[in-house]
PDB file of N, CA and C in Angstrom:
ATOM      1  N   UNK A   1       0.789  -0.892  -0.058  1.00  0.00           N
ATOM      2  CA  UNK A   1       0.079  -0.051   0.017  1.00  0.00           C
ATOM      3  C   UNK A   1       0.602   1.253   0.063  1.00  0.00           C
ATOM      4  N   UNK A   2       0.893   1.970  -1.244  1.00  0.00           N
ATOM      5  CA  UNK A   2       1.910   2.955  -0.961  1.00  0.00           C
ATOM      6  C   UNK A   2       0.992   4.322  -0.852  1.00  0.00           C
ATOM      7  N   UNK A   3       0.038   4.336  -0.589  1.00  0.00           N
ATOM      8  CA  UNK A   3      -0.029   5.656  -0.061  1.00  0.00           C
ATOM      9  C   UNK A   3      -0.400   5.757   1.271  1.00  0.00           C
ATOM     10  N   UNK A   4       0.146   4.576   1.538  1.00  0.00           N
ATOM     11  CA  UNK A   4      -0.273   5.187   3.417  1.00  0.00           C
ATOM     12  C   UNK A   4       1.428   5.345   4.143  1.00  0.00           C
ATOM     13  N   UNK A   5       1.089   6.310   5.051  1.00  0.00           N
ATOM     14  CA  UNK A   5       2.087   6.845   5.838  1.00  0.00           C
ATOM     15  C   UNK A   5       2.715   5.611   7.134  1.00  0.00           C
ATOM     16  N   UNK A   6       3.829   5.621   7.478  1.00  0.00           N
ATOM     17  CA  UNK A   6       3.928   4.530   8.311  1.00  0.00           C
ATOM     18  C   UNK A   6       4.093   5.442   9.590  1.00  0.00           C
ATOM     19  N   UNK A   7       3.898   4.566  10.835  1.00  0.00           N
ATOM     20  CA  UNK A   7       3.325   5.229  11.653  1.00  0.00           C
ATOM     21  C   UNK A   7       4.547   5.252  12.332  1.00  0.00           C
ATOM     22  N   UNK A   8       4.828   5.971  13.636  1.00  0.00           N
ATOM     23  CA  UNK A   8       5.935   5.963  14.519  1.00  0.00           C
ATOM     24  C   UNK A   8       6.901   6.942  14.172  1.00  0.00           C
ATOM     25  N   UNK A   9       7.970   6.743  14.954  1.00  0.00           N
ATOM     26  CA  UNK A   9       9.187   7.966  14.607  1.00  0.00           C
ATOM     27  C   UNK A   9      10.519   7.524  13.972  1.00  0.00           C
ATOM     28  N   UNK A  10      10.624   8.395  12.816  1.00  0.00           N
ATOM     29  CA  UNK A  10      11.516   8.141  12.248  1.00  0.00           C
ATOM     30  C   UNK A  10      13.467   8.080  13.251  1.00  0.00           C
ATOM     31  N   UNK A  11      13.499   7.166  12.321  1.00  0.00           N
ATOM     32  CA  UNK A  11      15.510   7.042  13.382  1.00  0.00           C
ATOM     33  C   UNK A  11      15.696   7.995  13.102  1.00  0.00           C
ATOM     34  N   UNK A  12      16.593   8.658  14.139  1.00  0.00           N
ATOM     35  CA  UNK A  12      17.386   9.813  14.750  1.00  0.00           C
ATOM     36  C   UNK A  12      16.551  11.368  14.199  1.00  0.00           C
ATOM     37  N   UNK A  13      15.063  11.111  14.713  1.00  0.00           N
ATOM     38  CA  UNK A  13      14.332  11.919  14.384  1.00  0.00           C
ATOM     39  C   UNK A  13      14.831  12.825  15.974  1.00  0.00           C
ATOM     40  N   UNK A  14      15.131  12.558  16.995  1.00  0.00           N
ATOM     41  CA  UNK A  14      15.213  13.395  17.845  1.00  0.00           C
ATOM     42  C   UNK A  14      16.599  12.854  18.292  1.00  0.00           C
ATOM     43  N   UNK A  15      17.637  14.117  18.364  1.00  0.00           N
ATOM     44  CA  UNK A  15      18.905  14.083  19.029  1.00  0.00           C
ATOM     45  C   UNK A  15      18.651  14.564  20.633  1.00  0.00           C
ATOM     46  N   UNK A  16      20.336  14.494  20.830  1.00  0.00           N
ATOM     47  CA  UNK A  16      20.973  15.412  21.725  1.00  0.00           C
ATOM     48  C   UNK A  16      20.567  16.329  21.962  1.00  0.00           C
ATOM     49  N   UNK A  17      20.269  17.534  21.236  1.00  0.00           N
ATOM     50  CA  UNK A  17      20.128  18.895  21.284  1.00  0.00           C
ATOM     51  C   UNK A  17      18.281  19.369  22.102  1.00  0.00           C
ATOM     52  N   UNK A  18      17.732  18.384  21.437  1.00  0.00           N
ATOM     53  CA  UNK A  18      16.215  18.598  21.547  1.00  0.00           C
ATOM     54  C   UNK A  18      16.171  17.678  23.152  1.00  0.00           C
ATOM     55  N   UNK A  19      16.705  16.270  22.901  1.00  0.00           N
ATOM     56  CA  UNK A  19      16.813  15.962  24.675  1.00  0.00           C
ATOM     57  C   UNK A  19      16.933  16.907  25.905  1.00  0.00           C
ATOM     58  N   UNK A  20      18.449  17.315  25.400  1.00  0.00           N
ATOM     59  CA  UNK A  20      18.723  18.406  26.829  1.00  0.00           C
ATOM     60  C   UNK A  20      17.828  19.541  26.772  1.00  0.00           C
ATOM     61  N   UNK A  21      17.092  20.367  25.543  1.00  0.00           N
ATOM     62  CA  UNK A  21      16.487  21.318  25.691  1.00  0.00           C
ATOM     63  C   UNK A  21      15.138  20.617  26.443  1.00  0.00           C
ATOM     64  N   UNK A  22      14.631  19.938  25.747  1.00  0.00           N
ATOM     65  CA  UNK A  22      13.118  19.465  26.568  1.00  0.00           C
ATOM     66  C   UNK A  22      13.824  18.710  28.675  1.00  0.00           C
ATOM     67  N   UNK A  23      14.625  18.533  29.034  1.00  0.00           N
ATOM     68  CA  UNK A  23      15.094  18.565  30.220  1.00  0.00           C
ATOM     69  C   UNK A  23      15.629  19.664  30.882  1.00  0.00           C
ATOM     70  N   UNK A  24      16.311  20.453  30.150  1.00  0.00           N
ATOM     71  CA  UNK A  24      16.265  21.627  30.792  1.00  0.00           C
ATOM     72  C   UNK A  24      14.848  22.616  31.323  1.00  0.00           C
ATOM     73  N   UNK A  25      14.098  22.484  30.018  1.00  0.00           N
ATOM     74  CA  UNK A  25      12.618  22.989  30.447  1.00  0.00           C
ATOM     75  C   UNK A  25      12.004  22.826  31.136  1.00  0.00           C
ATOM     76  N   UNK A  26      11.822  21.429  31.677  1.00  0.00           N
ATOM     77  CA  UNK A  26      10.976  20.713  32.301  1.00  0.00           C
ATOM     78  C   UNK A  26      11.715  20.601  33.972  1.00  0.00           C
ATOM     79  N   UNK A  27      13.155  20.713  34.380  1.00  0.00           N
ATOM     80  CA  UNK A  27      13.573  21.335  35.396  1.00  0.00           C
ATOM     81  C   UNK A  27      13.542  22.413  36.176  1.00  0.00           C
ATOM     82  N   UNK A  28      13.449  23.390  34.897  1.00  0.00           N
ATOM     83  CA  UNK A  28      13.574  25.540  35.326  1.00  0.00           C
ATOM     84  C   UNK A  28      13.130  25.472  36.065  1.00  0.00           C
ATOM     85  N   UNK A  29      11.659  25.381  36.021  1.00  0.00           N
ATOM     86  CA  UNK A  29      10.650  25.883  37.574  1.00  0.00           C
ATOM     87  C   UNK A  29      11.018  25.315  38.646  1.00  0.00           C
ATOM     88  N   UNK A  30      11.327  23.975  38.892  1.00  0.00           N
ATOM     89  CA  UNK A  30      11.804  23.961  39.748  1.00  0.00           C
ATOM     90  C   UNK A  30      13.119  23.902  40.583  1.00  0.00           C
ATOM     91  N   UNK A  31      14.040  23.943  39.514  1.00  0.00           N
ATOM     92  CA  UNK A  31      14.779  25.102  40.304  1.00  0.00           C
ATOM     93  C   UNK A  31      15.205  26.529  40.280  1.00  0.00           C
ATOM     94  N   UNK A  32      13.810  27.265  39.564  1.00  0.00           N
ATOM     95  CA  UNK A  32      13.923  28.838  39.951  1.00  0.00           C
ATOM     96  C   UNK A  32      13.329  28.422  41.173  1.00  0.00           C
ATOM     97  N   UNK A  33      12.238  27.399  42.121  1.00  0.00           N
ATOM     98  CA  UNK A  33      12.062  27.770  43.303  1.00  0.00           C
ATOM     99  C   UNK A  33      12.866  27.486  44.285  1.00  0.00           C
ATOM    100  N   UNK A  34      13.813  26.001  44.184  1.00  0.00           N
ATOM    101  CA  UNK A  34      14.764  25.271  44.713  1.00  0.00           C
ATOM    102  C   UNK A  34      15.686  27.202  45.232  1.00  0.00           C
ATOM    103  N   UNK A  35      16.198  28.075  44.016  1.00  0.00           N
ATOM    104  CA  UNK A  35      17.065  28.800  44.263  1.00  0.00           C
ATOM    105  C   UNK A  35      16.390  30.085  45.189  1.00  0.00           C
ATOM    106  N   UNK A  36      14.583  29.910  44.767  1.00  0.00           N
ATOM    107  CA  UNK A  36      14.524  31.388  45.969  1.00  0.00           C
ATOM    108  C   UNK A  36      14.107  30.762  46.802  1.00  0.00           C
ATOM    109  N   UNK A  37      14.064  30.273  47.724  1.00  0.00           N
ATOM    110  CA  UNK A  37      13.991  29.575  48.786  1.00  0.00           C
ATOM    111  C   UNK A  37      14.942  29.551  49.361  1.00  0.00           C
ATOM    112  N   UNK A  38      16.310  29.353  48.627  1.00  0.00           N
ATOM    113  CA  UNK A  38      18.086  29.458  49.120  1.00  0.00           C
ATOM    114  C   UNK A  38      18.277  30.470  49.376  1.00  0.00           C
ATOM    115  N   UNK A  39      17.830  31.515  48.249  1.00  0.00           N
ATOM    116  CA  UNK A  39      18.237  32.737  48.636  1.00  0.00           C
ATOM    117  C   UNK A  39      17.222  34.099  49.242  1.00  0.00           C
ATOM    118  N   UNK A  40      16.447  33.195  49.392  1.00  0.00           N
ATOM    119  CA  UNK A  40      15.430  34.103  50.478  1.00  0.00           C
ATOM    120  C   UNK A  40      15.618  33.992  52.307  1.00  0.00           C
ATOM    121  N   UNK A  41      16.525  33.111  52.560  1.00  0.00           N
ATOM    122  CA  UNK A  41      17.054  32.695  53.740  1.00  0.00           C
ATOM    123  C   UNK A  41      17.962  33.703  54.419  1.00  0.00           C
ATOM    124  N   UNK A  42      17.397  34.317  55.107  1.00  0.00           N
ATOM    125  CA  UNK A  42      18.558  35.252  55.944  1.00  0.00           C
ATOM    126  C   UNK A  42      20.055  35.200  56.126  1.00  0.00           C
ATOM    127  N   UNK A  43      20.697  35.645  55.821  1.00  0.00           N
ATOM    128  CA  UNK A  43      22.705  35.200  55.961  1.00  0.00           C
ATOM    129  C   UNK A  43      22.565  35.425  57.740  1.00  0.00           C
ATOM    130  N   UNK A  44      23.441  34.357  58.601  1.00  0.00           N
ATOM    131  CA  UNK A  44      23.279  34.506  59.564  1.00  0.00           C
ATOM    132  C   UNK A  44      24.543  35.858  59.859  1.00  0.00           C
ATOM    133  N   UNK A  45      24.423  36.638  60.750  1.00  0.00           N
ATOM    134  CA  UNK A  45      25.190  37.714  61.104  1.00  0.00           C
ATOM    135  C   UNK A  45      26.004  38.154  62.405  1.00  0.00           C
ATOM    136  N   UNK A  46      27.165  38.030  61.988  1.00  0.00           N
ATOM    137  CA  UNK A  46      28.270  38.245  63.358  1.00  0.00           C
ATOM    138  C   UNK A  46      27.411  38.862  64.368  1.00  0.00           C
ATOM    139  N   UNK A  47      27.870  39.226  65.966  1.00  0.00           N
ATOM    140  CA  UNK A  47      26.898  39.906  66.835  1.00  0.00           C
ATOM    141  C   UNK A  47      27.518  41.325  66.684  1.00  0.00           C
ATOM    142  N   UNK A  48      28.943  41.372  66.172  1.00  0.00           N
ATOM    143  CA  UNK A  48      29.348  42.923  66.125  1.00  0.00           C
ATOM    144  C   UNK A  48      29.080  43.654  64.834  1.00  0.00           C
ATOM    145  N   UNK A  49      28.349  42.772  64.496  1.00  0.00           N
ATOM    146  CA  UNK A  49      27.564  43.626  63.102  1.00  0.00           C
ATOM    147  C   UNK A  49      26.231  44.322  63.387  1.00  0.00           C
ATOM    148  N   UNK A  50      26.239  43.807  64.377  1.00  0.00           N
ATOM    149  CA  UNK A  50      24.790  44.539  64.834  1.00  0.00           C
ATOM    150  C   UNK A  50      24.940  45.398  66.195  1.00  0.00           C
ATOM    151  N   UNK A  51      25.692  46.191  66.387  1.00  0.00           N
ATOM    152  CA  UNK A  51      26.100  47.091  67.186  1.00  0.00           C
ATOM    153  C   UNK A  51      26.689  46.342  68.946  1.00  0.00           C
ATOM    154  N   UNK A  52      26.835  45.031  69.375  1.00  0.00           N
ATOM    155  CA  UNK A  52      26.797  44.494  69.936  1.00  0.00           C
ATOM    156  C   UNK A  52      28.558  44.615  70.468  1.00  0.00           C
ATOM    157  N   UNK A  53      28.713  44.997  72.131  1.00  0.00           N
ATOM    158  CA  UNK A  53      30.159  45.438  72.015  1.00  0.00           C
ATOM    159  C   UNK A  53      30.528  44.316  72.889  1.00  0.00           C
ATOM    160  N   UNK A  54      31.868  44.437  72.311  1.00  0.00           N
ATOM    161  CA  UNK A  54      32.666  43.071  73.084  1.00  0.00           C
ATOM    162  C   UNK A  54      33.143  43.235  74.511  1.00  0.00           C
ATOM    163  N   UNK A  55      32.655  42.316  75.687  1.00  0.00           N
ATOM    164  CA  UNK A  55      33.229  42.735  77.123  1.00  0.00           C
ATOM    165  C   UNK A  55      34.161  41.501  77.058  1.00  0.00           C
TER     166      UNK A  55
END
């Protein structure tokens, strides 16, 4: 039957570049959330920076 299209994915139709890009775009929202949680955490400060005097 010459008029029918073959079902399925052509060999080597999807390469490393496409798979890598898909993986990055899938992980980006989670990485942004993790970074925002990490960056939102206040850094510990030294008591001398808060105006405390040394005894």
